[in-house]
C-alpha atoms as a PDB file:
ATOM      1  CA  MET A   1     -41.664  -8.666  -7.592  1.00  0.00           C
ATOM      2  CA  SER A   2     -39.721  -7.093 -10.483  1.00  0.00           C
ATOM      3  CA  GLU A   3     -40.815  -6.961 -14.087  1.00  0.00           C
ATOM      4  CA  ALA A   4     -39.039 -10.246 -14.758  1.00  0.00           C
ATOM      5  CA  GLY A   5     -40.866 -11.766 -11.793  1.00  0.00           C
ATOM      6  CA  SER A   6     -37.604 -12.784 -10.144  1.00  0.00           C
ATOM      7  CA  ARG A   7     -36.196  -9.831  -8.226  1.00  0.00           C
ATOM      8  CA  PRO A   8     -37.850  -8.894  -4.923  1.00  0.00           C
ATOM      9  CA  THR A   9     -38.748  -5.246  -4.435  1.00  0.00           C
ATOM     10  CA  LEU A  10     -38.818  -2.984  -1.386  1.00  0.00           C
ATOM     11  CA  GLU A  11     -42.610  -3.299  -1.398  1.00  0.00           C
ATOM     12  CA  ALA A  12     -42.376  -7.097  -1.285  1.00  0.00           C
ATOM     13  CA  VAL A  13     -40.083  -6.925   1.733  1.00  0.00           C
ATOM     14  CA  ALA A  14     -42.469  -4.489   3.437  1.00  0.00           C
ATOM     15  CA  ALA A  15     -45.431  -6.817   2.811  1.00  0.00           C
ATOM     16  CA  ARG A  16     -43.531  -9.851   4.135  1.00  0.00           C
ATOM     17  CA  ALA A  17     -42.402  -7.988   7.269  1.00  0.00           C
ATOM     18  CA  GLY A  18     -45.752  -6.285   7.838  1.00  0.00           C
ATOM     19  CA  VAL A  19     -44.228  -2.794   7.950  1.00  0.00           C
ATOM     20  CA  SER A  20     -44.239   0.298   5.754  1.00  0.00           C
ATOM     21  CA  ARG A  21     -41.963   0.793   2.769  1.00  0.00           C
ATOM     22  CA  ALA A  22     -40.299   3.703   4.577  1.00  0.00           C
ATOM     23  CA  THR A  23     -39.427   1.456   7.519  1.00  0.00           C
ATOM     24  CA  VAL A  24     -37.816  -1.079   5.196  1.00  0.00           C
ATOM     25  CA  SER A  25     -35.853   1.706   3.498  1.00  0.00           C
ATOM     26  CA  ARG A  26     -34.493   2.985   6.812  1.00  0.00           C
ATOM     27  CA  VAL A  27     -33.386  -0.477   7.920  1.00  0.00           C
ATOM     28  CA  VAL A  28     -31.820  -1.418   4.588  1.00  0.00           C
ATOM     29  CA  ASN A  29     -29.947   1.877   4.349  1.00  0.00           C
ATOM     30  CA  GLY A  30     -28.686   1.814   7.932  1.00  0.00           C
ATOM     31  CA  GLY A  31     -30.892   4.592   9.193  1.00  0.00           C
ATOM     32  CA  ASP A  32     -31.989   5.200  12.782  1.00  0.00           C
ATOM     33  CA  GLY A  33     -35.381   5.401  14.407  1.00  0.00           C
ATOM     34  CA  VAL A  34     -36.612   1.826  13.905  1.00  0.00           C
ATOM     35  CA  ARG A  35     -37.317  -0.294  16.984  1.00  0.00           C
ATOM     36  CA  GLU A  36     -35.216  -3.436  17.128  1.00  0.00           C
ATOM     37  CA  PRO A  37     -38.144  -5.930  16.881  1.00  0.00           C
ATOM     38  CA  LEU A  38     -39.337  -4.243  13.674  1.00  0.00           C
ATOM     39  CA  ALA A  39     -35.784  -4.040  12.319  1.00  0.00           C
ATOM     40  CA  GLU A  40     -35.316  -7.750  12.966  1.00  0.00           C
ATOM     41  CA  ARG A  41     -38.546  -8.549  11.070  1.00  0.00           C
ATOM     42  CA  VAL A  42     -37.275  -6.512   8.123  1.00  0.00           C
ATOM     43  CA  ARG A  43     -33.881  -8.230   8.141  1.00  0.00           C
ATOM     44  CA  ARG A  44     -35.574 -11.638   8.258  1.00  0.00           C
ATOM     45  CA  ALA A  45     -37.796 -10.726   5.312  1.00  0.00           C
ATOM     46  CA  VAL A  46     -34.802  -9.459   3.349  1.00  0.00           C
ATOM     47  CA  GLU A  47     -33.028 -12.765   3.920  1.00  0.00           C
ATOM     48  CA  GLU A  48     -36.063 -14.915   3.105  1.00  0.00           C
ATOM     49  CA  LEU A  49     -36.809 -13.071  -0.133  1.00  0.00           C
ATOM     50  CA  GLY A  50     -33.175 -12.609  -1.173  1.00  0.00           C
ATOM     51  CA  TYR A  51     -33.709  -8.878  -1.540  1.00  0.00           C
ATOM     52  CA  VAL A  52     -30.697  -6.934  -2.858  1.00  0.00           C
ATOM     53  CA  PRO A  53     -30.850  -3.134  -2.418  1.00  0.00           C
ATOM     54  CA  ASN A  54     -30.569  -1.006  -5.535  1.00  0.00           C
ATOM     55  CA  GLN A  55     -27.204   0.710  -5.109  1.00  0.00           C
ATOM     56  CA  ALA A  56     -28.144   3.788  -7.113  1.00  0.00           C
ATOM     57  CA  ALA A  57     -31.283   4.335  -5.041  1.00  0.00           C
ATOM     58  CA  ARG A  58     -29.403   3.624  -1.843  1.00  0.00           C
ATOM     59  CA  SER A  59     -26.757   6.206  -2.736  1.00  0.00           C
ATOM     60  CA  LEU A  60     -29.460   8.862  -3.085  1.00  0.00           C
ATOM     61  CA  VAL A  61     -30.529   8.167   0.496  1.00  0.00           C
ATOM     62  CA  THR A  62     -27.168   7.633   2.183  1.00  0.00           C
ATOM     63  CA  ARG A  63     -25.029   9.856  -0.079  1.00  0.00           C
ATOM     64  CA  ARG A  64     -22.542   6.981  -0.006  1.00  0.00           C
ATOM     65  CA  HIS A  65     -21.453   4.631  -2.790  1.00  0.00           C
ATOM     66  CA  ASP A  66     -19.752   2.014  -0.585  1.00  0.00           C
ATOM     67  CA  ALA A  67     -16.846   2.109  -3.029  1.00  0.00           C
ATOM     68  CA  VAL A  68     -13.240   3.198  -2.551  1.00  0.00           C
ATOM     69  CA  ALA A  69     -10.754   3.998  -5.306  1.00  0.00           C
ATOM     70  CA  VAL A  70      -7.188   2.705  -5.039  1.00  0.00           C
ATOM     71  CA  VAL A  71      -4.796   4.773  -7.135  1.00  0.00           C
ATOM     72  CA  ILE A  72      -1.340   3.337  -7.819  1.00  0.00           C
ATOM     73  CA  ALA A  73       1.007   5.806  -9.460  1.00  0.00           C
ATOM     74  CA  GLU A  74       2.802   3.146 -11.490  1.00  0.00           C
ATOM     75  CA  PRO A  75       2.282   1.516 -14.915  1.00  0.00           C
ATOM     76  CA  GLU A  76       0.421  -1.783 -14.992  1.00  0.00           C
ATOM     77  CA  THR A  77       3.561  -3.666 -16.069  1.00  0.00           C
ATOM     78  CA  ARG A  78       5.152  -2.728 -12.736  1.00  0.00           C
ATOM     79  CA  VAL A  79       2.042  -3.222 -10.596  1.00  0.00           C
ATOM     80  CA  PHE A  80       1.324  -6.754 -11.794  1.00  0.00           C
ATOM     81  CA  ALA A  81       4.975  -7.860 -11.668  1.00  0.00           C
ATOM     82  CA  ASP A  82       5.838  -6.602  -8.180  1.00  0.00           C
ATOM     83  CA  PRO A  83       4.479  -8.677  -5.260  1.00  0.00           C
ATOM     84  CA  PHE A  84       4.615  -5.569  -3.023  1.00  0.00           C
ATOM     85  CA  PHE A  85       1.499  -4.203  -4.709  1.00  0.00           C
ATOM     86  CA  ALA A  86      -0.339  -7.532  -4.486  1.00  0.00           C
ATOM     87  CA  LEU A  87       0.289  -7.685  -0.735  1.00  0.00           C
ATOM     88  CA  GLN A  88      -0.849  -4.111  -0.166  1.00  0.00           C
ATOM     89  CA  LEU A  89      -3.956  -4.604  -2.291  1.00  0.00           C
ATOM     90  CA  ARG A  90      -4.775  -7.786  -0.386  1.00  0.00           C
ATOM     91  CA  GLY A  91      -4.711  -5.903   2.911  1.00  0.00           C
ATOM     92  CA  ILE A  92      -6.881  -3.131   1.485  1.00  0.00           C
ATOM     93  CA  SER A  93      -9.352  -5.584  -0.030  1.00  0.00           C
ATOM     94  CA  LYS A  94      -9.731  -7.563   3.191  1.00  0.00           C
ATOM     95  CA  GLU A  95     -10.563  -4.456   5.219  1.00  0.00           C
ATOM     96  CA  LEU A  96     -12.962  -3.036   2.631  1.00  0.00           C
ATOM     97  CA  THR A  97     -14.733  -6.382   2.243  1.00  0.00           C
ATOM     98  CA  THR A  98     -15.234  -6.609   5.999  1.00  0.00           C
ATOM     99  CA  HIS A  99     -17.148  -3.322   5.801  1.00  0.00           C
ATOM    100  CA  ASP A 100     -19.044  -4.228   2.602  1.00  0.00           C
ATOM    101  CA  ASN A 101     -17.161  -1.744   0.428  1.00  0.00           C
ATOM    102  CA  GLN A 102     -15.965  -2.273  -3.117  1.00  0.00           C
ATOM    103  CA  LEU A 103     -12.442  -1.631  -4.381  1.00  0.00           C
ATOM    104  CA  VAL A 104     -12.012   0.303  -7.642  1.00  0.00           C
ATOM    105  CA  LEU A 105      -8.457   0.035  -8.981  1.00  0.00           C
ATOM    106  CA  LEU A 106      -7.040   2.957 -10.979  1.00  0.00           C
ATOM    107  CA  LEU A 107      -3.563   2.749 -12.528  1.00  0.00           C
ATOM    108  CA  THR A 108      -1.585   5.542 -14.136  1.00  0.00           C
ATOM    109  CA  GLU A 109       0.634   4.759 -17.087  1.00  0.00           C
ATOM    110  CA  GLY A 110       1.918   8.334 -17.113  1.00  0.00           C
ATOM    111  CA  ARG A 111       0.979  11.963 -16.833  1.00  0.00           C
ATOM    112  CA  ASP A 112      -1.620  11.632 -19.582  1.00  0.00           C
ATOM    113  CA  ASP A 113      -3.667   9.456 -17.193  1.00  0.00           C
ATOM    114  CA  HIS A 114      -3.676  11.968 -14.356  1.00  0.00           C
ATOM    115  CA  ALA A 115      -6.485  14.079 -15.791  1.00  0.00           C
ATOM    116  CA  ARG A 116      -8.589  10.943 -16.360  1.00  0.00           C
ATOM    117  CA  VAL A 117      -8.107   9.841 -12.741  1.00  0.00           C
ATOM    118  CA  GLY A 118      -8.873  13.349 -11.488  1.00  0.00           C
ATOM    119  CA  ARG A 119     -12.105  13.492 -13.482  1.00  0.00           C
ATOM    120  CA  TYR A 120     -13.206  10.103 -12.210  1.00  0.00           C
ATOM    121  CA  LEU A 121     -12.565  11.001  -8.583  1.00  0.00           C
ATOM    122  CA  ALA A 122     -14.316  14.365  -8.937  1.00  0.00           C
ATOM    123  CA  GLY A 123     -17.313  12.680 -10.574  1.00  0.00           C
ATOM    124  CA  GLY A 124     -18.683  11.300  -7.312  1.00  0.00           C
ATOM    125  CA  HIS A 125     -18.241   7.629  -8.192  1.00  0.00           C
ATOM    126  CA  VAL A 126     -16.462   6.674  -4.954  1.00  0.00           C
ATOM    127  CA  ASP A 127     -16.522   7.767  -1.308  1.00  0.00           C
ATOM    128  CA  GLY A 128     -12.766   8.040  -0.801  1.00  0.00           C
ATOM    129  CA  VAL A 129      -9.397   7.224  -2.270  1.00  0.00           C
ATOM    130  CA  LEU A 130      -6.263   5.344  -1.219  1.00  0.00           C
ATOM    131  CA  VAL A 131      -3.079   6.378  -3.018  1.00  0.00           C
ATOM    132  CA  PHE A 132       0.389   4.842  -2.985  1.00  0.00           C
ATOM    133  CA  SER A 133       3.695   4.710  -4.826  1.00  0.00           C
ATOM    134  CA  LEU A 134       3.675   8.464  -5.410  1.00  0.00           C
ATOM    135  CA  HIS A 135       6.702  10.200  -6.916  1.00  0.00           C
ATOM    136  CA  LEU A 136       7.936  13.570  -5.683  1.00  0.00           C
ATOM    137  CA  ASP A 137       6.901  15.497  -8.803  1.00  0.00           C
ATOM    138  CA  ASP A 138       3.545  13.723  -9.092  1.00  0.00           C
ATOM    139  CA  ALA A 139       0.524  15.870  -9.958  1.00  0.00           C
ATOM    140  CA  LEU A 140      -1.931  13.389  -8.443  1.00  0.00           C
ATOM    141  CA  PRO A 141      -2.074  14.905  -4.920  1.00  0.00           C
ATOM    142  CA  ALA A 142      -3.160  18.284  -6.292  1.00  0.00           C
ATOM    143  CA  LEU A 143      -5.769  16.655  -8.536  1.00  0.00           C
ATOM    144  CA  ILE A 144      -7.133  14.617  -5.636  1.00  0.00           C
ATOM    145  CA  GLN A 145      -7.240  17.670  -3.411  1.00  0.00           C
ATOM    146  CA  GLY A 146      -9.139  19.482  -6.132  1.00  0.00           C
ATOM    147  CA  ALA A 147     -11.667  16.657  -6.220  1.00  0.00           C
ATOM    148  CA  GLY A 148     -12.392  17.278  -2.522  1.00  0.00           C
ATOM    149  CA  ILE A 149     -12.477  13.587  -1.651  1.00  0.00           C
ATOM    150  CA  PRO A 150     -11.245  11.978   1.607  1.00  0.00           C
ATOM    151  CA  THR A 151      -7.797  10.483   1.014  1.00  0.00           C
ATOM    152  CA  VAL A 152      -5.242   8.287   2.761  1.00  0.00           C
ATOM    153  CA  PHE A 153      -1.730   7.892   1.355  1.00  0.00           C
ATOM    154  CA  GLY A 154       0.511   4.869   1.456  1.00  0.00           C
ATOM    155  CA  GLY A 155       3.956   6.168   2.364  1.00  0.00           C
ATOM    156  CA  ARG A 156       5.127   9.412   3.934  1.00  0.00           C
ATOM    157  CA  PRO A 157       4.063  12.344   1.740  1.00  0.00           C
ATOM    158  CA  GLY A 158       6.891  14.365   0.290  1.00  0.00           C
ATOM    159  CA  TRP A 159       5.641  16.259  -2.728  1.00  0.00           C
ATOM    160  CA  SER A 160       5.655  19.627  -0.948  1.00  0.00           C
ATOM    161  CA  SER A 161       6.429  21.243   2.377  1.00  0.00           C
ATOM    162  CA  ASP A 162       2.738  21.687   3.075  1.00  0.00           C
ATOM    163  CA  ASP A 163       1.849  18.070   3.836  1.00  0.00           C
ATOM    164  CA  ASP A 164       1.200  18.267   7.594  1.00  0.00           C
ATOM    165  CA  GLY A 165      -2.493  17.533   7.196  1.00  0.00           C
ATOM    166  CA  ALA A 166      -2.034  14.471   4.994  1.00  0.00           C
ATOM    167  CA  VAL A 167      -3.233  11.158   6.433  1.00  0.00           C
ATOM    168  CA  TYR A 168      -0.829   8.322   5.657  1.00  0.00           C
ATOM    169  CA  VAL A 169       0.480   4.885   6.643  1.00  0.00           C
ATOM    170  CA  ASP A 170       4.170   4.081   6.324  1.00  0.00           C
ATOM    171  CA  SER A 171       6.878   1.792   7.671  1.00  0.00           C
ATOM    172  CA  ASP A 172       9.941   2.884   9.628  1.00  0.00           C
ATOM    173  CA  ASN A 173      12.081   2.941   6.506  1.00  0.00           C
ATOM    174  CA  ARG A 174      14.943   4.878   8.022  1.00  0.00           C
ATOM    175  CA  GLY A 175      15.072   2.781  11.192  1.00  0.00           C
ATOM    176  CA  GLY A 176      14.895  -0.440   9.193  1.00  0.00           C
ATOM    177  CA  ALA A 177      17.771   0.686   6.988  1.00  0.00           C
ATOM    178  CA  ARG A 178      19.855   1.526  10.049  1.00  0.00           C
ATOM    179  CA  ALA A 179      19.244  -1.975  11.424  1.00  0.00           C
ATOM    180  CA  ALA A 180      20.313  -3.550   8.137  1.00  0.00           C
ATOM    181  CA  VAL A 181      23.555  -1.578   7.872  1.00  0.00           C
ATOM    182  CA  ARG A 182      24.400  -2.042  11.552  1.00  0.00           C
ATOM    183  CA  HIS A 183      24.006  -5.774  11.050  1.00  0.00           C
ATOM    184  CA  LEU A 184      26.466  -5.731   8.159  1.00  0.00           C
ATOM    185  CA  VAL A 185      28.943  -3.613  10.104  1.00  0.00           C
ATOM    186  CA  GLY A 186      28.543  -5.969  13.045  1.00  0.00           C
ATOM    187  CA  LEU A 187      29.607  -8.831  10.789  1.00  0.00           C
ATOM    188  CA  GLY A 188      32.910  -7.021  10.260  1.00  0.00           C
ATOM    189  CA  ARG A 189      32.140  -5.683   6.781  1.00  0.00           C
ATOM    190  CA  ARG A 190      34.085  -2.548   5.930  1.00  0.00           C
ATOM    191  CA  ARG A 191      33.000  -1.664   2.383  1.00  0.00           C
ATOM    192  CA  VAL A 192      29.206  -1.631   2.603  1.00  0.00           C
ATOM    193  CA  ALA A 193      27.470  -0.561  -0.590  1.00  0.00           C
ATOM    194  CA  HIS A 194      23.896   0.588  -0.989  1.00  0.00           C
ATOM    195  CA  ILE A 195      21.539   0.022  -3.909  1.00  0.00           C
ATOM    196  CA  ALA A 196      18.989   2.786  -3.451  1.00  0.00           C
ATOM    197  CA  GLY A 197      15.455   2.772  -4.770  1.00  0.00           C
ATOM    198  CA  ALA A 198      14.090   5.444  -7.069  1.00  0.00           C
ATOM    199  CA  LEU A 199      15.075   8.628  -5.234  1.00  0.00           C
ATOM    200  CA  ASP A 200      11.945  10.501  -6.302  1.00  0.00           C
ATOM    201  CA  GLN A 201      10.082   8.386  -3.715  1.00  0.00           C
ATOM    202  CA  THR A 202      10.259   9.069   0.006  1.00  0.00           C
ATOM    203  CA  SER A 203      10.754   5.421   0.967  1.00  0.00           C
ATOM    204  CA  ALA A 204      13.984   5.289  -1.055  1.00  0.00           C
ATOM    205  CA  VAL A 205      15.187   8.599   0.389  1.00  0.00           C
ATOM    206  CA  ASP A 206      14.458   7.450   3.946  1.00  0.00           C
ATOM    207  CA  ARG A 207      16.346   4.171   3.435  1.00  0.00           C
ATOM    208  CA  LEU A 208      19.320   6.004   1.958  1.00  0.00           C
ATOM    209  CA  ASP A 209      19.265   8.347   4.960  1.00  0.00           C
ATOM    210  CA  GLY A 210      19.273   5.325   7.276  1.00  0.00           C
ATOM    211  CA  TYR A 211      22.340   3.953   5.482  1.00  0.00           C
ATOM    212  CA  ARG A 212      24.079   7.310   5.876  1.00  0.00           C
ATOM    213  CA  ASP A 213      23.104   7.519   9.557  1.00  0.00           C
ATOM    214  CA  VAL A 214      25.285   4.467  10.226  1.00  0.00           C
ATOM    215  CA  LEU A 215      27.987   5.244   7.647  1.00  0.00           C
ATOM    216  CA  PRO A 216      28.120   9.055   7.450  1.00  0.00           C
ATOM    217  CA  GLY A 217      31.550   8.989   5.820  1.00  0.00           C
ATOM    218  CA  ALA A 218      30.793   6.290   3.251  1.00  0.00           C
ATOM    219  CA  ASP A 219      32.504   6.556  -0.119  1.00  0.00           C
ATOM    220  CA  PRO A 220      29.903   8.087  -2.508  1.00  0.00           C
ATOM    221  CA  ARG A 221      30.941   5.521  -5.111  1.00  0.00           C
ATOM    222  CA  LEU A 222      29.413   2.843  -2.866  1.00  0.00           C
ATOM    223  CA  ILE A 223      25.912   4.219  -3.543  1.00  0.00           C
ATOM    224  CA  ALA A 224      24.067   3.359  -6.763  1.00  0.00           C
ATOM    225  CA  GLU A 225      20.473   4.231  -7.596  1.00  0.00           C
ATOM    226  CA  GLY A 226      18.114   1.508  -8.766  1.00  0.00           C
ATOM    227  CA  ASP A 227      14.387   1.533  -9.433  1.00  0.00           C
ATOM    228  CA  PHE A 228      12.942  -1.106  -7.078  1.00  0.00           C
ATOM    229  CA  THR A 229      12.989  -3.763  -9.841  1.00  0.00           C
ATOM    230  CA  PRO A 230      15.204  -6.859 -10.270  1.00  0.00           C
ATOM    231  CA  ALA A 231      16.675  -5.397 -13.469  1.00  0.00           C
ATOM    232  CA  GLY A 232      17.433  -2.164 -11.632  1.00  0.00           C
ATOM    233  CA  GLY A 233      19.224  -4.164  -8.946  1.00  0.00           C
ATOM    234  CA  GLU A 234      21.302  -5.933 -11.569  1.00  0.00           C
ATOM    235  CA  ARG A 235      22.334  -2.683 -13.237  1.00  0.00           C
ATOM    236  CA  ALA A 236      23.248  -1.071  -9.935  1.00  0.00           C
ATOM    237  CA  MET A 237      25.240  -4.115  -8.800  1.00  0.00           C
ATOM    238  CA  ARG A 238      27.275  -4.160 -12.004  1.00  0.00           C
ATOM    239  CA  ALA A 239      28.000  -0.444 -11.621  1.00  0.00           C
ATOM    240  CA  LEU A 240      29.086  -0.927  -8.012  1.00  0.00           C
ATOM    241  CA  LEU A 241      31.435  -3.787  -8.893  1.00  0.00           C
ATOM    242  CA  GLU A 242      33.002  -1.697 -11.637  1.00  0.00           C
ATOM    243  CA  ARG A 243      33.539   1.263  -9.318  1.00  0.00           C
ATOM    244  CA  CYS A 244      34.321  -0.568  -6.089  1.00  0.00           C
ATOM    245  CA  PRO A 245      35.461  -4.150  -6.734  1.00  0.00           C
ATOM    246  CA  ASP A 246      36.602  -4.393  -3.104  1.00  0.00           C
ATOM    247  CA  LEU A 247      33.079  -4.016  -1.667  1.00  0.00           C
ATOM    248  CA  ASP A 248      32.225  -6.735   0.841  1.00  0.00           C
ATOM    249  CA  ALA A 249      28.533  -6.058   1.602  1.00  0.00           C
ATOM    250  CA  VAL A 250      25.423  -4.676  -0.087  1.00  0.00           C
ATOM    251  CA  PHE A 251      22.245  -3.276   1.425  1.00  0.00           C
ATOM    252  CA  ALA A 252      19.538  -3.147  -1.250  1.00  0.00           C
ATOM    253  CA  ALA A 253      16.490  -0.945  -0.687  1.00  0.00           C
ATOM    254  CA  ASN A 254      14.094  -3.779  -1.508  1.00  0.00           C
ATOM    255  CA  ASP A 255      14.085  -7.542  -1.996  1.00  0.00           C
ATOM    256  CA  LEU A 256      13.566  -7.373  -5.755  1.00  0.00           C
ATOM    257  CA  MET A 257      16.745  -5.344  -6.255  1.00  0.00           C
ATOM    258  CA  ALA A 258      18.558  -7.632  -3.807  1.00  0.00           C
ATOM    259  CA  SER A 259      17.557 -10.622  -5.950  1.00  0.00           C
ATOM    260  CA  GLY A 260      19.006  -8.889  -9.010  1.00  0.00           C
ATOM    261  CA  ALA A 261      22.203  -8.112  -7.105  1.00  0.00           C
ATOM    262  CA  LEU A 262      22.537 -11.757  -6.062  1.00  0.00           C
ATOM    263  CA  ARG A 263      22.291 -12.877  -9.691  1.00  0.00           C
ATOM    264  CA  VAL A 264      25.088 -10.528 -10.739  1.00  0.00           C
ATOM    265  CA  LEU A 265      27.312 -11.599  -7.845  1.00  0.00           C
ATOM    266  CA  ARG A 266      26.764 -15.223  -8.797  1.00  0.00           C
ATOM    267  CA  GLU A 267      27.631 -14.459 -12.433  1.00  0.00           C
ATOM    268  CA  ARG A 268      30.841 -12.730 -11.314  1.00  0.00           C
ATOM    269  CA  GLY A 269      31.830 -15.635  -9.111  1.00  0.00           C
ATOM    270  CA  ARG A 270      31.516 -13.670  -5.863  1.00  0.00           C
ATOM    271  CA  ARG A 271      30.499 -15.957  -2.998  1.00  0.00           C
ATOM    272  CA  VAL A 272      27.571 -14.864  -0.811  1.00  0.00           C
ATOM    273  CA  PRO A 273      27.961 -14.331   2.086  1.00  0.00           C
ATOM    274  CA  GLY A 274      31.628 -15.374   2.134  1.00  0.00           C
ATOM    275  CA  GLU A 275      32.925 -12.542  -0.039  1.00  0.00           C
ATOM    276  CA  VAL A 276      29.876 -10.270  -0.196  1.00  0.00           C
ATOM    277  CA  ALA A 277      27.043 -10.176   2.329  1.00  0.00           C
ATOM    278  CA  VAL A 278      23.632  -9.037   1.051  1.00  0.00           C
ATOM    279  CA  VAL A 279      20.631  -7.596   2.907  1.00  0.00           C
ATOM    280  CA  GLY A 280      17.317  -6.557   1.364  1.00  0.00           C
ATOM    281  CA  PHE A 281      14.189  -4.754   2.541  1.00  0.00           C
ATOM    282  CA  ASP A 282      10.533  -5.948   2.578  1.00  0.00           C
ATOM    283  CA  ASP A 283      10.697  -9.680   3.457  1.00  0.00           C
ATOM    284  CA  MET A 284       8.266 -10.586   0.701  1.00  0.00           C
ATOM    285  CA  ALA A 285       7.346 -14.265   0.773  1.00  0.00           C
ATOM    286  CA  PRO A 286       8.217 -16.442  -0.994  1.00  0.00           C
ATOM    287  CA  LEU A 287      10.857 -14.301  -2.752  1.00  0.00           C
ATOM    288  CA  ALA A 288      13.142 -13.695   0.224  1.00  0.00           C
ATOM    289  CA  GLU A 289      13.107 -17.383   1.176  1.00  0.00           C
ATOM    290  CA  GLN A 290      13.780 -18.648  -2.361  1.00  0.00           C
ATOM    291  CA  THR A 291      16.756 -16.540  -3.407  1.00  0.00           C
ATOM    292  CA  ASP A 292      20.136 -18.281  -3.556  1.00  0.00           C
ATOM    293  CA  PRO A 293      21.111 -18.058  -0.755  1.00  0.00           C
ATOM    294  CA  PRO A 294      17.955 -17.160   1.209  1.00  0.00           C
ATOM    295  CA  LEU A 295      17.882 -13.430   1.824  1.00  0.00           C
ATOM    296  CA  THR A 296      18.518 -11.620   5.079  1.00  0.00           C
ATOM    297  CA  THR A 297      16.139  -8.676   4.929  1.00  0.00           C
ATOM    298  CA  VAL A 298      14.189  -6.045   6.832  1.00  0.00           C
ATOM    299  CA  ARG A 299      10.582  -7.039   7.297  1.00  0.00           C
ATOM    300  CA  GLN A 300       7.764  -4.542   6.901  1.00  0.00           C
ATOM    301  CA  ASP A 301       4.172  -5.720   7.183  1.00  0.00           C
ATOM    302  CA  ILE A 302       2.971  -4.713   3.731  1.00  0.00           C
ATOM    303  CA  GLU A 303      -0.448  -6.317   4.011  1.00  0.00           C
ATOM    304  CA  GLU A 304      -1.025  -4.622   7.359  1.00  0.00           C
ATOM    305  CA  MET A 305      -0.108  -1.281   5.792  1.00  0.00           C
ATOM    306  CA  GLY A 306      -2.883  -1.759   3.249  1.00  0.00           C
ATOM    307  CA  ARG A 307      -5.368  -2.810   5.894  1.00  0.00           C
ATOM    308  CA  LEU A 308      -4.596   0.236   8.047  1.00  0.00           C
ATOM    309  CA  MET A 309      -4.876   2.567   5.062  1.00  0.00           C
ATOM    310  CA  ALA A 310      -8.388   1.275   4.419  1.00  0.00           C
ATOM    311  CA  ARG A 311      -9.291   1.399   8.116  1.00  0.00           C
ATOM    312  CA  LEU A 312      -8.176   5.017   8.439  1.00  0.00           C
ATOM    313  CA  LEU A 313     -10.159   6.014   5.371  1.00  0.00           C
ATOM    314  CA  LEU A 314     -13.326   4.246   6.514  1.00  0.00           C
ATOM    315  CA  GLY A 315     -12.942   5.976   9.875  1.00  0.00           C
ATOM    316  CA  ARG A 316     -12.784   9.346   8.143  1.00  0.00           C
ATOM    317  CA  LEU A 317     -15.874   8.489   6.108  1.00  0.00           C
ATOM    318  CA  ARG A 318     -17.719   7.720   9.341  1.00  0.00           C
ATOM    319  CA  GLY A 319     -16.816  11.194  10.543  1.00  0.00           C
ATOM    320  CA  GLY A 320     -13.918  10.287  12.834  1.00  0.00           C
ATOM    321  CA  PRO A 321     -10.130  10.345  12.567  1.00  0.00           C
ATOM    322  CA  GLY A 322      -9.919   6.623  11.871  1.00  0.00           C
ATOM    323  CA  GLU A 323      -8.872   3.736  14.070  1.00  0.00           C
ATOM    324  CA  ALA A 324      -5.228   2.810  14.140  1.00  0.00           C
ATOM    325  CA  ALA A 325      -2.351   2.157  16.495  1.00  0.00           C
ATOM    326  CA  GLY A 326       1.246   3.234  16.170  1.00  0.00           C
ATOM    327  CA  GLY A 327       0.824   6.907  15.337  1.00  0.00           C
ATOM    328  CA  THR A 328      -1.449   9.906  15.205  1.00  0.00           C
ATOM    329  CA  ALA A 329      -4.578  10.244  13.090  1.00  0.00           C
ATOM    330  CA  ALA A 330      -2.410  12.040  10.510  1.00  0.00           C
ATOM    331  CA  GLY A 331       0.376   9.484  10.232  1.00  0.00           C
ATOM    332  CA  VAL A 332       0.821   5.852  11.257  1.00  0.00           C
ATOM    333  CA  VAL A 333       4.358   4.446  11.085  1.00  0.00           C
ATOM    334  CA  LEU A 334       4.727   0.680  11.477  1.00  0.00           C
ATOM    335  CA  SER A 335       7.828  -0.864  12.989  1.00  0.00           C
ATOM    336  CA  THR A 336      10.299  -2.972  10.984  1.00  0.00           C
ATOM    337  CA  THR A 337      12.299  -6.047  11.983  1.00  0.00           C
ATOM    338  CA  LEU A 338      15.532  -7.563  10.689  1.00  0.00           C
ATOM    339  CA  VAL A 339      15.025 -11.160   9.552  1.00  0.00           C
ATOM    340  CA  ARG A 340      18.299 -13.100   9.391  1.00  0.00           C
ATOM    341  CA  ARG A 341      18.813 -15.780   6.757  1.00  0.00           C
ATOM    342  CA  ALA A 342      21.855 -17.118   4.918  1.00  0.00           C
ATOM    343  CA  SER A 343      22.872 -14.123   2.744  1.00  0.00           C
ATOM    344  CA  ALA A 344      24.294 -12.094   5.649  1.00  0.00           C
END
């Protein structure tokens, strides 16, 4: 027992199981070379005594920490206010928990935090890193590469032309945007506006490209850039109404901006969908169901994206390419679906 007389030791487990300390160590740390009957005796002794392996000692043997860093390149005010991040983190956490790994959350308030994150990752505290919400001029990818740590990105990389080897999980942003705009055109709408996300992120660029695929000759005044927040949606909607008061439809690059657009339209007395039809992107519950009116939107499985990011990373840590469907080991792109409600 330990000095306090309450914590079982490796020696106590060995004595209970009737095996050597080395045998217990191999079983506890997942090593090979122990016959199954002996391994079962060790596992039974561990359970009976309530033995908990010392993580520091275990790391020396396995060279693993059973911990994964999640780096979100956004300030905490955005992360904790946007349900997108909660859904993605939930998917990541579920997959890591299934494999007895811990999640270490790292947020970046700005460029001053990048060096801190880089030092932490290079310090050998975690086995791998999951990164999402990167911006095109972000220094984080280079810092992570310098740390030499296995990495999976959330979203298609776009910070340089040399990203072919990056492992990532994304949704079909461009295809989903095309479906949204085609739906609006199919309703007979002729002046379809677009509230884009922050255009230093590939998801926003891909959704804008999808809009342009369907409406290649769209009036440039019908496009306004937001920032993926409700306030950004409000600002963009006001700008669009000032420039193009005859618009009769809006495709917003996410549900939060769509909710802001709906508020402005209601303030201006514009009936939805009678005068202006509105479509969002994400299908985040309960937001999309509780807007007034309920929001037609493009559904992406955000929680599944997080789960697949974690699964790919754990696969790499086991020495393989990861286990995923819907793409190659380098990139997995999940399908999107239009969900029709009352706004369009």
